[in-house]
Amino acid sequence: MIQADANSEKLIQPNAKNRYEITRADLPLHCPMKGMSLWNSHPRVFLPIEKSGEERCPYCGAVYVLKDK
């Protein structure tokens, strides 16, 4: 029987969505983001979203949009 860790329920599922809206409070942006489970994801990559307002992760293809540009 596998028991879930109490903290695992609070983690964001990595690569579960194709689009994530973020704010400046989330910067610097990296994928997977803080709070995402890392065991089933790709290596962390930083994405320079500050100027463009939108970036795509080269590993998983997730699109990040800066809401408060």
C-alpha atoms as a PDB file:
ATOM      1  CA  MET A   1       0.000   0.000   0.000  1.00  0.00           C
ATOM      2  CA  ILE A   2       1.413   3.398  -1.014  1.00  0.00           C
ATOM      3  CA  GLN A   3       0.751   6.316   1.305  1.00  0.00           C
ATOM      4  CA  ALA A   4       0.708   9.871   0.011  1.00  0.00           C
ATOM      5  CA  ASP A   5       2.935  12.427   1.657  1.00  0.00           C
ATOM      6  CA  ALA A   6       0.881  15.189   3.337  1.00  0.00           C
ATOM      7  CA  ASN A   7       2.802  17.815   1.332  1.00  0.00           C
ATOM      8  CA  SER A   8       2.355  16.071  -2.018  1.00  0.00           C
ATOM      9  CA  GLU A   9      -1.276  17.179  -2.232  1.00  0.00           C
ATOM     10  CA  LYS A  10      -0.142  20.826  -2.202  1.00  0.00           C
ATOM     11  CA  LEU A  11       2.229  20.434  -5.153  1.00  0.00           C
ATOM     12  CA  ILE A  12       1.314  21.688  -8.601  1.00  0.00           C
ATOM     13  CA  GLN A  13       1.217  18.933 -11.197  1.00  0.00           C
ATOM     14  CA  PRO A  14       4.110  19.643 -13.628  1.00  0.00           C
ATOM     15  CA  ASN A  15       3.422  19.527 -17.348  1.00  0.00           C
ATOM     16  CA  ALA A  16      -0.308  19.114 -16.647  1.00  0.00           C
ATOM     17  CA  LYS A  17      -1.349  22.243 -18.485  1.00  0.00           C
ATOM     18  CA  ASN A  18      -0.281  23.808 -21.732  1.00  0.00           C
ATOM     19  CA  ARG A  19      -0.661  27.396 -20.463  1.00  0.00           C
ATOM     20  CA  TYR A  20       0.167  29.015 -17.130  1.00  0.00           C
ATOM     21  CA  GLU A  21      -0.572  32.622 -16.183  1.00  0.00           C
ATOM     22  CA  ILE A  22       2.035  34.068 -13.839  1.00  0.00           C
ATOM     23  CA  THR A  23       2.691  37.402 -12.137  1.00  0.00           C
ATOM     24  CA  ARG A  24       5.856  39.326 -11.371  1.00  0.00           C
ATOM     25  CA  ALA A  25       5.800  37.708  -7.928  1.00  0.00           C
ATOM     26  CA  ASP A  26       6.654  34.408  -9.686  1.00  0.00           C
ATOM     27  CA  LEU A  27       9.863  35.796 -11.233  1.00  0.00           C
ATOM     28  CA  PRO A  28      12.472  34.689 -12.045  1.00  0.00           C
ATOM     29  CA  LEU A  29      10.458  32.196 -14.072  1.00  0.00           C
ATOM     30  CA  HIS A  30      11.638  28.643 -14.441  1.00  0.00           C
ATOM     31  CA  CYS A  31       9.968  25.484 -15.640  1.00  0.00           C
ATOM     32  CA  PRO A  32       9.071  23.421 -13.756  1.00  0.00           C
ATOM     33  CA  MET A  33       7.899  26.159 -11.389  1.00  0.00           C
ATOM     34  CA  LYS A  34       8.382  26.288  -7.646  1.00  0.00           C
ATOM     35  CA  GLY A  35       5.797  24.076  -6.002  1.00  0.00           C
ATOM     36  CA  MET A  36       5.712  21.553  -8.844  1.00  0.00           C
ATOM     37  CA  SER A  37       6.628  17.962  -8.205  1.00  0.00           C
ATOM     38  CA  LEU A  38      10.047  17.396  -9.777  1.00  0.00           C
ATOM     39  CA  TRP A  39      10.333  13.617  -9.793  1.00  0.00           C
ATOM     40  CA  ASN A  40       8.408  13.182 -13.053  1.00  0.00           C
ATOM     41  CA  SER A  41       9.462  16.350 -14.841  1.00  0.00           C
ATOM     42  CA  HIS A  42      12.368  17.673 -16.912  1.00  0.00           C
ATOM     43  CA  PRO A  43      15.501  19.592 -15.821  1.00  0.00           C
ATOM     44  CA  ARG A  44      14.839  23.128 -14.610  1.00  0.00           C
ATOM     45  CA  VAL A  45      15.188  25.788 -17.285  1.00  0.00           C
ATOM     46  CA  PHE A  46      14.919  29.548 -16.703  1.00  0.00           C
ATOM     47  CA  LEU A  47      12.692  31.462 -19.115  1.00  0.00           C
ATOM     48  CA  PRO A  48      13.288  35.195 -19.838  1.00  0.00           C
ATOM     49  CA  ILE A  49       9.650  36.335 -19.815  1.00  0.00           C
ATOM     50  CA  GLU A  50      10.189  39.872 -18.487  1.00  0.00           C
ATOM     51  CA  LYS A  51      10.507  41.546 -21.920  1.00  0.00           C
ATOM     52  CA  SER A  52       8.362  39.335 -24.136  1.00  0.00           C
ATOM     53  CA  GLY A  53       5.452  38.713 -21.749  1.00  0.00           C
ATOM     54  CA  GLU A  54       5.130  35.159 -23.065  1.00  0.00           C
ATOM     55  CA  GLU A  55       7.575  32.251 -23.191  1.00  0.00           C
ATOM     56  CA  ARG A  56       7.424  28.570 -24.149  1.00  0.00           C
ATOM     57  CA  CYS A  57       9.373  25.876 -22.299  1.00  0.00           C
ATOM     58  CA  PRO A  58      11.759  24.131 -24.721  1.00  0.00           C
ATOM     59  CA  TYR A  59      11.369  20.829 -22.843  1.00  0.00           C
ATOM     60  CA  CYS A  60       7.638  20.369 -22.320  1.00  0.00           C
ATOM     61  CA  GLY A  61       6.124  23.077 -24.523  1.00  0.00           C
ATOM     62  CA  ALA A  62       4.193  24.744 -21.693  1.00  0.00           C
ATOM     63  CA  VAL A  63       3.374  28.384 -22.434  1.00  0.00           C
ATOM     64  CA  TYR A  64       3.823  30.957 -19.670  1.00  0.00           C
ATOM     65  CA  VAL A  65       2.052  34.326 -19.888  1.00  0.00           C
ATOM     66  CA  LEU A  66       2.982  37.281 -17.682  1.00  0.00           C
ATOM     67  CA  LYS A  67      -0.330  38.795 -16.522  1.00  0.00           C
ATOM     68  CA  ASP A  68       1.004  42.030 -15.030  1.00  0.00           C
ATOM     69  CA  LYS A  69       3.475  43.012 -17.734  1.00  0.00           C
END
